[in-house]
Amino acid sequence: MESFFSLLQKNVLDRRSWTTREELRIAIVTWIERTYHRRRRQATLGRLTPIEYETVVTTPALQAA
Protein backbone atom coordinates (compact mmCIF):
# COMPACT_ATOMS: atom_id res chain seq x y z
CA MET A 1 0.00 0.00 0.00
CA GLU A 2 2.83 2.37 0.80
CA SER A 3 4.36 1.92 -2.66
CA PHE A 4 0.99 2.71 -4.28
CA PHE A 5 0.67 6.00 -2.39
CA SER A 6 4.30 6.83 -3.05
CA LEU A 7 3.77 6.40 -6.81
CA LEU A 8 0.52 8.36 -6.64
CA GLN A 9 2.19 11.25 -4.87
CA LYS A 10 5.19 11.28 -7.22
CA ASN A 11 3.18 10.93 -10.45
CA VAL A 12 0.04 12.96 -9.69
CA LEU A 13 0.09 15.02 -6.53
CA ASP A 14 3.56 16.54 -6.87
CA ARG A 15 3.26 17.31 -10.60
CA ARG A 16 1.31 20.56 -10.25
CA SER A 17 -1.05 22.58 -8.07
CA TRP A 18 -4.70 21.64 -8.29
CA THR A 19 -7.32 24.39 -8.20
CA THR A 20 -10.26 22.17 -7.21
CA ARG A 21 -10.72 18.87 -5.49
CA GLU A 22 -12.67 17.66 -8.52
CA GLU A 23 -9.68 18.27 -10.82
CA LEU A 24 -7.47 16.32 -8.46
CA ARG A 25 -10.02 13.50 -8.17
CA ILE A 26 -10.19 13.17 -11.96
CA ALA A 27 -6.39 13.19 -12.23
CA ILE A 28 -6.09 10.44 -9.60
CA VAL A 29 -8.76 8.25 -11.21
CA THR A 30 -7.22 8.75 -14.64
CA TRP A 31 -3.75 7.84 -13.37
CA ILE A 32 -5.05 4.70 -11.66
CA GLU A 33 -6.99 3.52 -14.70
CA ARG A 34 -4.44 4.38 -17.39
CA THR A 35 -1.14 3.81 -15.69
CA TYR A 36 -1.23 1.89 -12.44
CA HIS A 37 -3.71 -0.86 -13.25
CA ARG A 38 -2.49 -1.35 -16.81
CA ARG A 39 1.11 -1.79 -15.70
CA ARG A 40 0.23 -4.24 -12.94
CA ARG A 41 -2.22 -6.25 -15.06
CA GLN A 42 0.22 -6.63 -17.92
CA ALA A 43 3.01 -7.79 -15.63
CA THR A 44 0.74 -10.31 -13.92
CA LEU A 45 -0.56 -11.72 -17.21
CA GLY A 46 2.90 -12.30 -18.62
CA ARG A 47 2.62 -9.33 -21.01
CA LEU A 48 -0.42 -10.88 -22.72
CA THR A 49 -3.57 -8.88 -23.25
CA PRO A 50 -6.45 -9.94 -20.98
CA ILE A 51 -8.19 -11.62 -23.93
CA GLU A 52 -5.03 -13.55 -24.93
CA TYR A 53 -4.51 -14.65 -21.32
CA GLU A 54 -8.12 -15.78 -20.98
CA THR A 55 -7.83 -17.80 -24.17
CA VAL A 56 -4.65 -19.50 -22.99
CA VAL A 57 -6.04 -20.29 -19.54
CA THR A 58 -9.57 -21.41 -20.46
CA THR A 59 -8.75 -23.49 -23.52
CA PRO A 60 -6.90 -26.30 -21.63
CA ALA A 61 -9.66 -26.37 -19.03
CA LEU A 62 -12.35 -26.74 -21.68
CA GLN A 63 -10.37 -29.47 -23.48
CA ALA A 64 -10.10 -31.48 -20.25
CA ALA A 65 -13.87 -31.45 -19.69
C-alpha atoms as a PDB file:
ATOM      1  CA  MET A   1       0.000   0.000   0.000  1.00  0.00           C
ATOM      2  CA  GLU A   2       2.833   2.367   0.798  1.00  0.00           C
ATOM      3  CA  SER A   3       4.358   1.916  -2.661  1.00  0.00           C
ATOM      4  CA  PHE A   4       0.994   2.714  -4.276  1.00  0.00           C
ATOM      5  CA  PHE A   5       0.669   6.000  -2.393  1.00  0.00           C
ATOM      6  CA  SER A   6       4.303   6.831  -3.049  1.00  0.00           C
ATOM      7  CA  LEU A   7       3.767   6.400  -6.808  1.00  0.00           C
ATOM      8  CA  LEU A   8       0.516   8.356  -6.637  1.00  0.00           C
ATOM      9  CA  GLN A   9       2.193  11.252  -4.868  1.00  0.00           C
ATOM     10  CA  LYS A  10       5.186  11.276  -7.222  1.00  0.00           C
ATOM     11  CA  ASN A  11       3.176  10.930 -10.455  1.00  0.00           C
ATOM     12  CA  VAL A  12       0.043  12.958  -9.695  1.00  0.00           C
ATOM     13  CA  LEU A  13       0.094  15.024  -6.527  1.00  0.00           C
ATOM     14  CA  ASP A  14       3.556  16.537  -6.872  1.00  0.00           C
ATOM     15  CA  ARG A  15       3.258  17.311 -10.603  1.00  0.00           C
ATOM     16  CA  ARG A  16       1.312  20.564 -10.245  1.00  0.00           C
ATOM     17  CA  SER A  17      -1.049  22.583  -8.066  1.00  0.00           C
ATOM     18  CA  TRP A  18      -4.698  21.639  -8.287  1.00  0.00           C
ATOM     19  CA  THR A  19      -7.317  24.388  -8.196  1.00  0.00           C
ATOM     20  CA  THR A  20     -10.256  22.172  -7.215  1.00  0.00           C
ATOM     21  CA  ARG A  21     -10.721  18.868  -5.487  1.00  0.00           C
ATOM     22  CA  GLU A  22     -12.675  17.662  -8.524  1.00  0.00           C
ATOM     23  CA  GLU A  23      -9.680  18.270 -10.817  1.00  0.00           C
ATOM     24  CA  LEU A  24      -7.470  16.325  -8.460  1.00  0.00           C
ATOM     25  CA  ARG A  25     -10.018  13.501  -8.172  1.00  0.00           C
ATOM     26  CA  ILE A  26     -10.193  13.170 -11.958  1.00  0.00           C
ATOM     27  CA  ALA A  27      -6.390  13.190 -12.227  1.00  0.00           C
ATOM     28  CA  ILE A  28      -6.087  10.443  -9.605  1.00  0.00           C
ATOM     29  CA  VAL A  29      -8.761   8.247 -11.212  1.00  0.00           C
ATOM     30  CA  THR A  30      -7.220   8.750 -14.642  1.00  0.00           C
ATOM     31  CA  TRP A  31      -3.752   7.844 -13.367  1.00  0.00           C
ATOM     32  CA  ILE A  32      -5.054   4.704 -11.657  1.00  0.00           C
ATOM     33  CA  GLU A  33      -6.988   3.525 -14.704  1.00  0.00           C
ATOM     34  CA  ARG A  34      -4.441   4.384 -17.393  1.00  0.00           C
ATOM     35  CA  THR A  35      -1.136   3.808 -15.692  1.00  0.00           C
ATOM     36  CA  TYR A  36      -1.230   1.893 -12.439  1.00  0.00           C
ATOM     37  CA  HIS A  37      -3.715  -0.863 -13.254  1.00  0.00           C
ATOM     38  CA  ARG A  38      -2.490  -1.347 -16.815  1.00  0.00           C
ATOM     39  CA  ARG A  39       1.114  -1.787 -15.702  1.00  0.00           C
ATOM     40  CA  ARG A  40       0.227  -4.243 -12.941  1.00  0.00           C
ATOM     41  CA  ARG A  41      -2.221  -6.246 -15.061  1.00  0.00           C
ATOM     42  CA  GLN A  42       0.223  -6.626 -17.925  1.00  0.00           C
ATOM     43  CA  ALA A  43       3.015  -7.792 -15.634  1.00  0.00           C
ATOM     44  CA  THR A  44       0.738 -10.315 -13.923  1.00  0.00           C
ATOM     45  CA  LEU A  45      -0.560 -11.718 -17.208  1.00  0.00           C
ATOM     46  CA  GLY A  46       2.900 -12.298 -18.624  1.00  0.00           C
ATOM     47  CA  ARG A  47       2.623  -9.330 -21.006  1.00  0.00           C
ATOM     48  CA  LEU A  48      -0.418 -10.882 -22.719  1.00  0.00           C
ATOM     49  CA  THR A  49      -3.575  -8.884 -23.253  1.00  0.00           C
ATOM     50  CA  PRO A  50      -6.452  -9.939 -20.977  1.00  0.00           C
ATOM     51  CA  ILE A  51      -8.187 -11.620 -23.933  1.00  0.00           C
ATOM     52  CA  GLU A  52      -5.033 -13.547 -24.928  1.00  0.00           C
ATOM     53  CA  TYR A  53      -4.509 -14.649 -21.323  1.00  0.00           C
ATOM     54  CA  GLU A  54      -8.119 -15.777 -20.977  1.00  0.00           C
ATOM     55  CA  THR A  55      -7.828 -17.801 -24.174  1.00  0.00           C
ATOM     56  CA  VAL A  56      -4.645 -19.499 -22.986  1.00  0.00           C
ATOM     57  CA  VAL A  57      -6.044 -20.289 -19.536  1.00  0.00           C
ATOM     58  CA  THR A  58      -9.572 -21.409 -20.458  1.00  0.00           C
ATOM     59  CA  THR A  59      -8.745 -23.490 -23.521  1.00  0.00           C
ATOM     60  CA  PRO A  60      -6.903 -26.300 -21.635  1.00  0.00           C
ATOM     61  CA  ALA A  61      -9.663 -26.374 -19.027  1.00  0.00           C
ATOM     62  CA  LEU A  62     -12.346 -26.743 -21.676  1.00  0.00           C
ATOM     63  CA  GLN A  63     -10.372 -29.473 -23.479  1.00  0.00           C
ATOM     64  CA  ALA A  64     -10.100 -31.483 -20.249  1.00  0.00           C
ATOM     65  CA  ALA A  65     -13.869 -31.449 -19.688  1.00  0.00           C
END
